[in-house]
Every structure is written in C-alpha cells, then in structure tokens.
Amino acid sequence: MEVQFRTRQLEICYQQHRQANRKYGAQVARKYIQRINVIQQAMDLEQIMRLPGLWCHALTGNRHGQYAIKLTGFYRLIFTLTGNQLEVIMIEEVSKHYDD
C-alpha cells in the first residue's frame, strides 16, 4: 500500500524521528513511525485489521469512512483509504482519543 500524508507536518514527523519526538513525545513518536511502516507492508485493510496489538477499527459518526490504529493508551493514528482497490492510505492525524 502507498502511504500519503494529509499535512506536511505529519510527513516530516514520519521522516524525522526528532521532529516526531518534539511533537508527540518519545513513546507516541516511536509508535507512529512503527505503525506507518506496518501499514506500508500490508497487502490490504483486512491484513491490517487482523494484526494483534494495532486495534484497527472503523470509526463512526462524523468520522465515518475513517479508521483508527492504537498508538498508545490515549493516542490513535487516524487514516482513510482511497483508490479503486484501496491501494492508498491517507494519514489524516494523530489524535488524543480521550481529550482532557
């Protein structure tokens, strides 16, 4: 699967670990980069959803059509699928699941 990024900041955080550390903290940054690497290796969405520990699931409500993968206890990686064969994943955001 091809991975694209909604913003340049998301792409920079993936490419430069130091930037990700500054933006999200060490633990979230490490998981963010790891999860995107896993997505790139996947053949399809079902493979991603079957991987243990990712907790990949479809979102509902105003986020219908988006999916979330667990980064840490509170943080999620939000993405959408595009293309006729779902060959492109668009990284939308890193979100704090339970915003305090």
PDB file of N, CA and C in Angstrom:
ATOM      1  N   MET A   1       0.835  -1.193   0.000  1.00  0.00           N
ATOM      2  CA  MET A   1       0.000   0.000   0.000  1.00  0.00           C
ATOM      3  C   MET A   1       0.870   1.244   0.000  1.00  0.00           C
ATOM      4  N   GLU A   2       0.415   2.223  -0.706  1.00  0.00           N
ATOM      5  CA  GLU A   2       1.095   3.518  -0.705  1.00  0.00           C
ATOM      6  C   GLU A   2       0.552   4.351   0.452  1.00  0.00           C
ATOM      7  N   VAL A   3       1.428   5.051   1.123  1.00  0.00           N
ATOM      8  CA  VAL A   3       1.031   5.908   2.241  1.00  0.00           C
ATOM      9  C   VAL A   3       1.239   7.363   1.841  1.00  0.00           C
ATOM     10  N   GLN A   4       0.202   8.166   2.023  1.00  0.00           N
ATOM     11  CA  GLN A   4       0.277   9.604   1.814  1.00  0.00           C
ATOM     12  C   GLN A   4      -0.084  10.292   3.122  1.00  0.00           C
ATOM     13  N   PHE A   5       0.237  11.569   3.213  1.00  0.00           N
ATOM     14  CA  PHE A   5       0.018  12.321   4.447  1.00  0.00           C
ATOM     15  C   PHE A   5      -0.851  13.535   4.160  1.00  0.00           C
ATOM     16  N   ARG A   6      -1.837  13.776   5.029  1.00  0.00           N
ATOM     17  CA  ARG A   6      -2.746  14.919   4.862  1.00  0.00           C
ATOM     18  C   ARG A   6      -1.980  16.244   4.966  1.00  0.00           C
ATOM     19  N   THR A   7      -0.998  16.319   5.864  1.00  0.00           N
ATOM     20  CA  THR A   7      -0.234  17.555   6.034  1.00  0.00           C
ATOM     21  C   THR A   7       1.259  17.271   5.909  1.00  0.00           C
ATOM     22  N   ARG A   8       1.994  18.302   5.602  1.00  0.00           N
ATOM     23  CA  ARG A   8       3.449  18.196   5.525  1.00  0.00           C
ATOM     24  C   ARG A   8       4.037  17.873   6.900  1.00  0.00           C
ATOM     25  N   GLN A   9       3.425  18.382   7.958  1.00  0.00           N
ATOM     26  CA  GLN A   9       3.897  18.128   9.331  1.00  0.00           C
ATOM     27  C   GLN A   9       3.841  16.638   9.661  1.00  0.00           C
ATOM     28  N   LEU A  10       2.761  15.963   9.269  1.00  0.00           N
ATOM     29  CA  LEU A  10       2.662  14.524   9.500  1.00  0.00           C
ATOM     30  C   LEU A  10       3.755  13.769   8.754  1.00  0.00           C
ATOM     31  N   GLU A  11       4.044  14.193   7.535  1.00  0.00           N
ATOM     32  CA  GLU A  11       5.090  13.551   6.737  1.00  0.00           C
ATOM     33  C   GLU A  11       6.470  13.775   7.351  1.00  0.00           C
ATOM     34  N   ILE A  12       6.742  14.992   7.788  1.00  0.00           N
ATOM     35  CA  ILE A  12       8.029  15.312   8.413  1.00  0.00           C
ATOM     36  C   ILE A  12       8.212  14.494   9.690  1.00  0.00           C
ATOM     37  N   CYS A  13       7.149  14.363  10.477  1.00  0.00           N
ATOM     38  CA  CYS A  13       7.245  13.575  11.712  1.00  0.00           C
ATOM     39  C   CYS A  13       7.540  12.114  11.402  1.00  0.00           C
ATOM     40  N   TYR A  14       7.069  11.618  10.280  1.00  0.00           N
ATOM     41  CA  TYR A  14       7.381  10.241   9.894  1.00  0.00           C
ATOM     42  C   TYR A  14       8.834  10.123   9.434  1.00  0.00           C
ATOM     43  N   GLN A  15       9.303  11.089   8.683  1.00  0.00           N
ATOM     44  CA  GLN A  15      10.642  11.034   8.105  1.00  0.00           C
ATOM     45  C   GLN A  15      11.739  11.388   9.099  1.00  0.00           C
ATOM     46  N   GLN A  16      11.421  12.233  10.072  1.00  0.00           N
ATOM     47  CA  GLN A  16      12.436  12.722  11.004  1.00  0.00           C
ATOM     48  C   GLN A  16      11.990  12.427  12.446  1.00  0.00           C
ATOM     49  N   HIS A  17      12.598  11.406  13.008  1.00  0.00           N
ATOM     50  CA  HIS A  17      12.223  10.952  14.349  1.00  0.00           C
ATOM     51  C   HIS A  17      12.311  12.088  15.376  1.00  0.00           C
ATOM     52  N   ARG A  18      13.295  12.938  15.239  1.00  0.00           N
ATOM     53  CA  ARG A  18      13.470  14.049  16.183  1.00  0.00           C
ATOM     54  C   ARG A  18      12.252  14.984  16.169  1.00  0.00           C
ATOM     55  N   GLN A  19      11.729  15.260  14.981  1.00  0.00           N
ATOM     56  CA  GLN A  19      10.544  16.120  14.874  1.00  0.00           C
ATOM     57  C   GLN A  19       9.336  15.449  15.526  1.00  0.00           C
ATOM     58  N   ALA A  20       9.194  14.143  15.299  1.00  0.00           N
ATOM     59  CA  ALA A  20       8.085  13.408  15.904  1.00  0.00           C
ATOM     60  C   ALA A  20       8.195  13.432  17.428  1.00  0.00           C
ATOM     61  N   ASN A  21       9.416  13.280  17.946  1.00  0.00           N
ATOM     62  CA  ASN A  21       9.624  13.345  19.404  1.00  0.00           C
ATOM     63  C   ASN A  21       9.176  14.683  19.958  1.00  0.00           C
ATOM     64  N   ARG A  22       9.536  15.755  19.275  1.00  0.00           N
ATOM     65  CA  ARG A  22       9.141  17.100  19.733  1.00  0.00           C
ATOM     66  C   ARG A  22       7.633  17.277  19.732  1.00  0.00           C
ATOM     67  N   LYS A  23       6.998  16.777  18.687  1.00  0.00           N
ATOM     68  CA  LYS A  23       5.560  17.000  18.526  1.00  0.00           C
ATOM     69  C   LYS A  23       4.719  16.103  19.440  1.00  0.00           C
ATOM     70  N   TYR A  24       5.086  14.817  19.544  1.00  0.00           N
ATOM     71  CA  TYR A  24       4.228  13.862  20.232  1.00  0.00           C
ATOM     72  C   TYR A  24       4.816  13.258  21.500  1.00  0.00           C
ATOM     73  N   GLY A  25       6.115  13.402  21.711  1.00  0.00           N
ATOM     74  CA  GLY A  25       6.778  12.704  22.810  1.00  0.00           C
ATOM     75  C   GLY A  25       7.365  11.403  22.288  1.00  0.00           C
ATOM     76  N   ALA A  26       8.331  10.855  23.015  1.00  0.00           N
ATOM     77  CA  ALA A  26       9.110   9.709  22.536  1.00  0.00           C
ATOM     78  C   ALA A  26       8.261   8.468  22.271  1.00  0.00           C
ATOM     79  N   GLN A  27       7.375   8.120  23.183  1.00  0.00           N
ATOM     80  CA  GLN A  27       6.604   6.888  23.030  1.00  0.00           C
ATOM     81  C   GLN A  27       5.643   6.958  21.842  1.00  0.00           C
ATOM     82  N   VAL A  28       4.894   8.035  21.730  1.00  0.00           N
ATOM     83  CA  VAL A  28       3.948   8.182  20.626  1.00  0.00           C
ATOM     84  C   VAL A  28       4.707   8.286  19.305  1.00  0.00           C
ATOM     85  N   ALA A  29       5.809   9.015  19.279  1.00  0.00           N
ATOM     86  CA  ALA A  29       6.599   9.166  18.058  1.00  0.00           C
ATOM     87  C   ALA A  29       7.095   7.823  17.554  1.00  0.00           C
ATOM     88  N   ARG A  30       7.608   7.001  18.449  1.00  0.00           N
ATOM     89  CA  ARG A  30       8.116   5.685  18.063  1.00  0.00           C
ATOM     90  C   ARG A  30       7.005   4.824  17.479  1.00  0.00           C
ATOM     91  N   LYS A  31       5.860   4.802  18.136  1.00  0.00           N
ATOM     92  CA  LYS A  31       4.719   4.014  17.666  1.00  0.00           C
ATOM     93  C   LYS A  31       4.175   4.551  16.347  1.00  0.00           C
ATOM     94  N   TYR A  32       4.146   5.865  16.186  1.00  0.00           N
ATOM     95  CA  TYR A  32       3.677   6.492  14.947  1.00  0.00           C
ATOM     96  C   TYR A  32       4.494   5.983  13.761  1.00  0.00           C
ATOM     97  N   ILE A  33       5.792   6.031  13.878  1.00  0.00           N
ATOM     98  CA  ILE A  33       6.681   5.588  12.794  1.00  0.00           C
ATOM     99  C   ILE A  33       6.532   4.083  12.581  1.00  0.00           C
ATOM    100  N   GLN A  34       6.488   3.309  13.636  1.00  0.00           N
ATOM    101  CA  GLN A  34       6.330   1.852  13.524  1.00  0.00           C
ATOM    102  C   GLN A  34       5.028   1.491  12.823  1.00  0.00           C
ATOM    103  N   ARG A  35       3.941   2.118  13.225  1.00  0.00           N
ATOM    104  CA  ARG A  35       2.627   1.792  12.647  1.00  0.00           C
ATOM    105  C   ARG A  35       2.577   2.112  11.152  1.00  0.00           C
ATOM    106  N   ILE A  36       3.156   3.216  10.756  1.00  0.00           N
ATOM    107  CA  ILE A  36       3.162   3.552   9.326  1.00  0.00           C
ATOM    108  C   ILE A  36       4.001   2.533   8.559  1.00  0.00           C
ATOM    109  N   ASN A  37       5.093   2.097   9.112  1.00  0.00           N
ATOM    110  CA  ASN A  37       5.903   1.058   8.460  1.00  0.00           C
ATOM    111  C   ASN A  37       5.106  -0.236   8.302  1.00  0.00           C
ATOM    112  N   VAL A  38       4.326  -0.592   9.294  1.00  0.00           N
ATOM    113  CA  VAL A  38       3.481  -1.784   9.214  1.00  0.00           C
ATOM    114  C   VAL A  38       2.441  -1.610   8.112  1.00  0.00           C
ATOM    115  N   ILE A  39       1.810  -0.445   8.045  1.00  0.00           N
ATOM    116  CA  ILE A  39       0.803  -0.178   7.020  1.00  0.00           C
ATOM    117  C   ILE A  39       1.409  -0.325   5.623  1.00  0.00           C
ATOM    118  N   GLN A  40       2.610   0.192   5.427  1.00  0.00           N
ATOM    119  CA  GLN A  40       3.252   0.114   4.116  1.00  0.00           C
ATOM    120  C   GLN A  40       3.473  -1.324   3.675  1.00  0.00           C
ATOM    121  N   GLN A  41       3.693  -2.225   4.603  1.00  0.00           N
ATOM    122  CA  GLN A  41       3.957  -3.623   4.275  1.00  0.00           C
ATOM    123  C   GLN A  41       2.675  -4.439   4.061  1.00  0.00           C
ATOM    124  N   ALA A  42       1.544  -3.907   4.481  1.00  0.00           N
ATOM    125  CA  ALA A  42       0.288  -4.652   4.399  1.00  0.00           C
ATOM    126  C   ALA A  42      -0.205  -4.739   2.961  1.00  0.00           C
ATOM    127  N   MET A  43      -0.877  -5.841   2.675  1.00  0.00           N
ATOM    128  CA  MET A  43      -1.443  -6.060   1.346  1.00  0.00           C
ATOM    129  C   MET A  43      -2.828  -5.425   1.210  1.00  0.00           C
ATOM    130  N   ASP A  44      -3.577  -5.408   2.312  1.00  0.00           N
ATOM    131  CA  ASP A  44      -4.922  -4.850   2.266  1.00  0.00           C
ATOM    132  C   ASP A  44      -5.381  -4.490   3.680  1.00  0.00           C
ATOM    133  N   LEU A  45      -6.546  -3.874   3.768  1.00  0.00           N
ATOM    134  CA  LEU A  45      -7.085  -3.424   5.052  1.00  0.00           C
ATOM    135  C   LEU A  45      -7.340  -4.605   5.991  1.00  0.00           C
ATOM    136  N   GLU A  46      -7.824  -5.710   5.472  1.00  0.00           N
ATOM    137  CA  GLU A  46      -8.107  -6.868   6.313  1.00  0.00           C
ATOM    138  C   GLU A  46      -6.845  -7.352   7.022  1.00  0.00           C
ATOM    139  N   GLN A  47      -5.722  -7.305   6.326  1.00  0.00           N
ATOM    140  CA  GLN A  47      -4.463  -7.717   6.943  1.00  0.00           C
ATOM    141  C   GLN A  47      -4.107  -6.791   8.107  1.00  0.00           C
ATOM    142  N   ILE A  48      -4.315  -5.499   7.932  1.00  0.00           N
ATOM    143  CA  ILE A  48      -4.048  -4.530   8.997  1.00  0.00           C
ATOM    144  C   ILE A  48      -4.973  -4.797  10.182  1.00  0.00           C
ATOM    145  N   MET A  49      -6.244  -5.060   9.891  1.00  0.00           N
ATOM    146  CA  MET A  49      -7.217  -5.261  10.966  1.00  0.00           C
ATOM    147  C   MET A  49      -6.959  -6.549  11.744  1.00  0.00           C
ATOM    148  N   ARG A  50      -6.325  -7.525  11.134  1.00  0.00           N
ATOM    149  CA  ARG A  50      -6.049  -8.789  11.811  1.00  0.00           C
ATOM    150  C   ARG A  50      -4.786  -8.755  12.666  1.00  0.00           C
ATOM    151  N   LEU A  51      -3.935  -7.771  12.474  1.00  0.00           N
ATOM    152  CA  LEU A  51      -2.676  -7.728  13.223  1.00  0.00           C
ATOM    153  C   LEU A  51      -2.940  -7.446  14.702  1.00  0.00           C
ATOM    154  N   PRO A  52      -2.416  -8.294  15.569  1.00  0.00           N
ATOM    155  CA  PRO A  52      -2.653  -8.102  17.009  1.00  0.00           C
ATOM    156  C   PRO A  52      -1.942  -6.854  17.531  1.00  0.00           C
ATOM    157  N   GLY A  53      -2.585  -6.195  18.460  1.00  0.00           N
ATOM    158  CA  GLY A  53      -1.976  -5.041  19.099  1.00  0.00           C
ATOM    159  C   GLY A  53      -2.256  -3.713  18.417  1.00  0.00           C
ATOM    160  N   LEU A  54      -2.718  -3.736  17.161  1.00  0.00           N
ATOM    161  CA  LEU A  54      -2.996  -2.475  16.470  1.00  0.00           C
ATOM    162  C   LEU A  54      -4.368  -1.922  16.818  1.00  0.00           C
ATOM    163  N   TRP A  55      -5.285  -2.786  17.148  1.00  0.00           N
ATOM    164  CA  TRP A  55      -6.660  -2.387  17.446  1.00  0.00           C
ATOM    165  C   TRP A  55      -7.232  -1.535  16.324  1.00  0.00           C
ATOM    166  N   CYS A  56      -6.997  -1.934  15.088  1.00  0.00           N
ATOM    167  CA  CYS A  56      -7.507  -1.191  13.931  1.00  0.00           C
ATOM    168  C   CYS A  56      -9.022  -1.393  13.840  1.00  0.00           C
ATOM    169  N   HIS A  57      -9.735  -0.286  13.697  1.00  0.00           N
ATOM    170  CA  HIS A  57     -11.191  -0.360  13.609  1.00  0.00           C
ATOM    171  C   HIS A  57     -11.741   0.837  12.840  1.00  0.00           C
ATOM    172  N   ALA A  58     -12.916   0.627  12.243  1.00  0.00           N
ATOM    173  CA  ALA A  58     -13.608   1.693  11.525  1.00  0.00           C
ATOM    174  C   ALA A  58     -14.235   2.650  12.530  1.00  0.00           C
ATOM    175  N   LEU A  59     -14.225   3.928  12.183  1.00  0.00           N
ATOM    176  CA  LEU A  59     -14.840   4.941  13.034  1.00  0.00           C
ATOM    177  C   LEU A  59     -16.268   5.200  12.561  1.00  0.00           C
ATOM    178  N   THR A  60     -17.059   5.790  13.429  1.00  0.00           N
ATOM    179  CA  THR A  60     -18.461   6.039  13.114  1.00  0.00           C
ATOM    180  C   THR A  60     -18.789   7.520  13.274  1.00  0.00           C
ATOM    181  N   GLY A  61     -20.033   7.856  13.049  1.00  0.00           N
ATOM    182  CA  GLY A  61     -20.493   9.235  13.219  1.00  0.00           C
ATOM    183  C   GLY A  61     -19.879  10.165  12.195  1.00  0.00           C
ATOM    184  N   ASN A  62     -19.411  11.332  12.654  1.00  0.00           N
ATOM    185  CA  ASN A  62     -18.835  12.303  11.728  1.00  0.00           C
ATOM    186  C   ASN A  62     -17.474  11.859  11.202  1.00  0.00           C
ATOM    187  N   ARG A  63     -16.956  10.749  11.684  1.00  0.00           N
ATOM    188  CA  ARG A  63     -15.687  10.187  11.196  1.00  0.00           C
ATOM    189  C   ARG A  63     -15.909   8.923  10.364  1.00  0.00           C
ATOM    190  N   HIS A  64     -17.143   8.731   9.904  1.00  0.00           N
ATOM    191  CA  HIS A  64     -17.458   7.580   9.062  1.00  0.00           C
ATOM    192  C   HIS A  64     -16.546   7.572   7.835  1.00  0.00           C
ATOM    193  N   GLY A  65     -15.987   6.424   7.518  1.00  0.00           N
ATOM    194  CA  GLY A  65     -15.056   6.303   6.395  1.00  0.00           C
ATOM    195  C   GLY A  65     -13.599   6.393   6.817  1.00  0.00           C
ATOM    196  N   GLN A  66     -13.368   6.702   8.081  1.00  0.00           N
ATOM    197  CA  GLN A  66     -12.016   6.759   8.615  1.00  0.00           C
ATOM    198  C   GLN A  66     -11.778   5.553   9.515  1.00  0.00           C
ATOM    199  N   TYR A  67     -10.500   5.246   9.729  1.00  0.00           N
ATOM    200  CA  TYR A  67     -10.097   4.127  10.568  1.00  0.00           C
ATOM    201  C   TYR A  67      -9.086   4.626  11.591  1.00  0.00           C
ATOM    202  N   ALA A  68      -9.003   3.912  12.713  1.00  0.00           N
ATOM    203  CA  ALA A  68      -8.060   4.282  13.765  1.00  0.00           C
ATOM    204  C   ALA A  68      -7.196   3.080  14.116  1.00  0.00           C
ATOM    205  N   ILE A  69      -5.935   3.357  14.413  1.00  0.00           N
ATOM    206  CA  ILE A  69      -4.995   2.364  14.917  1.00  0.00           C
ATOM    207  C   ILE A  69      -4.455   2.903  16.233  1.00  0.00           C
ATOM    208  N   LYS A  70      -4.374   2.041  17.207  1.00  0.00           N
ATOM    209  CA  LYS A  70      -3.882   2.435  18.526  1.00  0.00           C
ATOM    210  C   LYS A  70      -2.378   2.700  18.472  1.00  0.00           C
ATOM    211  N   LEU A  71      -1.963   3.853  19.004  1.00  0.00           N
ATOM    212  CA  LEU A  71      -0.541   4.158  19.164  1.00  0.00           C
ATOM    213  C   LEU A  71      -0.116   3.879  20.600  1.00  0.00           C
ATOM    214  N   THR A  72      -0.810   4.496  21.542  1.00  0.00           N
ATOM    215  CA  THR A  72      -0.579   4.256  22.968  1.00  0.00           C
ATOM    216  C   THR A  72      -1.949   4.229  23.635  1.00  0.00           C
ATOM    217  N   GLY A  73      -1.980   4.258  24.951  1.00  0.00           N
ATOM    218  CA  GLY A  73      -3.240   4.213  25.676  1.00  0.00           C
ATOM    219  C   GLY A  73      -4.258   5.229  25.207  1.00  0.00           C
ATOM    220  N   PHE A  74      -3.830   6.456  24.964  1.00  0.00           N
ATOM    221  CA  PHE A  74      -4.754   7.507  24.592  1.00  0.00           C
ATOM    222  C   PHE A  74      -4.660   7.950  23.132  1.00  0.00           C
ATOM    223  N   TYR A  75      -3.537   7.725  22.482  1.00  0.00           N
ATOM    224  CA  TYR A  75      -3.315   8.258  21.146  1.00  0.00           C
ATOM    225  C   TYR A  75      -3.661   7.265  20.050  1.00  0.00           C
ATOM    226  N   ARG A  76      -4.278   7.776  18.973  1.00  0.00           N
ATOM    227  CA  ARG A  76      -4.668   6.978  17.827  1.00  0.00           C
ATOM    228  C   ARG A  76      -4.129   7.621  16.550  1.00  0.00           C
ATOM    229  N   LEU A  77      -3.813   6.782  15.589  1.00  0.00           N
ATOM    230  CA  LEU A  77      -3.442   7.211  14.243  1.00  0.00           C
ATOM    231  C   LEU A  77      -4.705   7.062  13.397  1.00  0.00           C
ATOM    232  N   ILE A  78      -5.188   8.169  12.840  1.00  0.00           N
ATOM    233  CA  ILE A  78      -6.414   8.181  12.048  1.00  0.00           C
ATOM    234  C   ILE A  78      -6.033   8.182  10.569  1.00  0.00           C
ATOM    235  N   PHE A  79      -6.680   7.308   9.781  1.00  0.00           N
ATOM    236  CA  PHE A  79      -6.394   7.264   8.346  1.00  0.00           C
ATOM    237  C   PHE A  79      -7.646   6.959   7.544  1.00  0.00           C
ATOM    238  N   THR A  80      -7.573   7.260   6.240  1.00  0.00           N
ATOM    239  CA  THR A  80      -8.631   6.932   5.294  1.00  0.00           C
ATOM    240  C   THR A  80      -8.019   6.127   4.159  1.00  0.00           C
ATOM    241  N   LEU A  81      -8.875   5.462   3.414  1.00  0.00           N
ATOM    242  CA  LEU A  81      -8.453   4.671   2.266  1.00  0.00           C
ATOM    243  C   LEU A  81      -8.954   5.335   0.995  1.00  0.00           C
ATOM    244  N   THR A  82      -8.133   5.350  -0.040  1.00  0.00           N
ATOM    245  CA  THR A  82      -8.536   5.909  -1.320  1.00  0.00           C
ATOM    246  C   THR A  82      -8.090   4.986  -2.442  1.00  0.00           C
ATOM    247  N   GLY A  83      -8.632   5.221  -3.620  1.00  0.00           N
ATOM    248  CA  GLY A  83      -8.280   4.412  -4.782  1.00  0.00           C
ATOM    249  C   GLY A  83      -9.292   3.308  -5.010  1.00  0.00           C
ATOM    250  N   ASN A  84      -9.363   2.827  -6.235  1.00  0.00           N
ATOM    251  CA  ASN A  84     -10.329   1.786  -6.591  1.00  0.00           C
ATOM    252  C   ASN A  84     -10.093   0.486  -5.838  1.00  0.00           C
ATOM    253  N   GLN A  85      -8.859   0.128  -5.613  1.00  0.00           N
ATOM    254  CA  GLN A  85      -8.524  -1.116  -4.923  1.00  0.00           C
ATOM    255  C   GLN A  85      -8.039  -0.858  -3.499  1.00  0.00           C
ATOM    256  N   LEU A  86      -8.331   0.299  -2.958  1.00  0.00           N
ATOM    257  CA  LEU A  86      -7.887   0.682  -1.613  1.00  0.00           C
ATOM    258  C   LEU A  86      -6.377   0.606  -1.495  1.00  0.00           C
ATOM    259  N   GLU A  87      -5.697   1.055  -2.546  1.00  0.00           N
ATOM    260  CA  GLU A  87      -4.244   0.940  -2.576  1.00  0.00           C
ATOM    261  C   GLU A  87      -3.521   2.111  -1.925  1.00  0.00           C
ATOM    262  N   VAL A  88      -4.220   3.170  -1.576  1.00  0.00           N
ATOM    263  CA  VAL A  88      -3.584   4.341  -0.972  1.00  0.00           C
ATOM    264  C   VAL A  88      -4.203   4.608   0.391  1.00  0.00           C
ATOM    265  N   ILE A  89      -3.352   4.747   1.383  1.00  0.00           N
ATOM    266  CA  ILE A  89      -3.807   5.129   2.718  1.00  0.00           C
ATOM    267  C   ILE A  89      -3.361   6.561   2.974  1.00  0.00           C
ATOM    268  N   MET A  90      -4.308   7.394   3.376  1.00  0.00           N
ATOM    269  CA  MET A  90      -4.024   8.794   3.700  1.00  0.00           C
ATOM    270  C   MET A  90      -3.980   8.930   5.218  1.00  0.00           C
ATOM    271  N   ILE A  91      -2.810   9.296   5.748  1.00  0.00           N
ATOM    272  CA  ILE A  91      -2.672   9.547   7.181  1.00  0.00           C
ATOM    273  C   ILE A  91      -3.312  10.902   7.460  1.00  0.00           C
ATOM    274  N   GLU A  92      -4.372  10.897   8.244  1.00  0.00           N
ATOM    275  CA  GLU A  92      -5.146  12.115   8.499  1.00  0.00           C
ATOM    276  C   GLU A  92      -4.625  12.903   9.698  1.00  0.00           C
ATOM    277  N   GLU A  93      -4.384  12.208  10.813  1.00  0.00           N
ATOM    278  CA  GLU A  93      -3.956  12.903  12.024  1.00  0.00           C
ATOM    279  C   GLU A  93      -3.530  11.920  13.095  1.00  0.00           C
ATOM    280  N   VAL A  94      -2.857  12.439  14.090  1.00  0.00           N
ATOM    281  CA  VAL A  94      -2.619  11.724  15.341  1.00  0.00           C
ATOM    282  C   VAL A  94      -3.542  12.399  16.340  1.00  0.00           C
ATOM    283  N   SER A  95      -4.407  11.612  16.954  1.00  0.00           N
ATOM    284  CA  SER A  95      -5.453  12.170  17.787  1.00  0.00           C
ATOM    285  C   SER A  95      -5.378  11.609  19.203  1.00  0.00           C
ATOM    286  N   LYS A  96      -5.614  12.473  20.173  1.00  0.00           N
ATOM    287  CA  LYS A  96      -5.744  12.012  21.548  1.00  0.00           C
ATOM    288  C   LYS A  96      -7.187  11.528  21.703  1.00  0.00           C
ATOM    289  N   HIS A  97      -7.340  10.236  21.896  1.00  0.00           N
ATOM    290  CA  HIS A  97      -8.649   9.585  21.884  1.00  0.00           C
ATOM    291  C   HIS A  97      -9.599  10.159  22.923  1.00  0.00           C
ATOM    292  N   TYR A  98      -9.123  10.331  24.133  1.00  0.00           N
ATOM    293  CA  TYR A  98      -9.937  10.908  25.203  1.00  0.00           C
ATOM    294  C   TYR A  98      -9.340  12.244  25.558  1.00  0.00           C
ATOM    295  N   ASP A  99      -9.737  13.269  24.838  1.00  0.00           N
ATOM    296  CA  ASP A  99      -9.151  14.592  25.032  1.00  0.00           C
ATOM    297  C   ASP A  99      -9.559  15.168  26.363  1.00  0.00           C
ATOM    298  N   ASP A 100      -8.574  15.484  27.198  1.00  0.00           N
ATOM    299  CA  ASP A 100      -8.840  16.057  28.543  1.00  0.00           C
ATOM    300  C   ASP A 100      -8.698  17.538  28.535  1.00  0.00           C
TER     301      ASP A 100
END
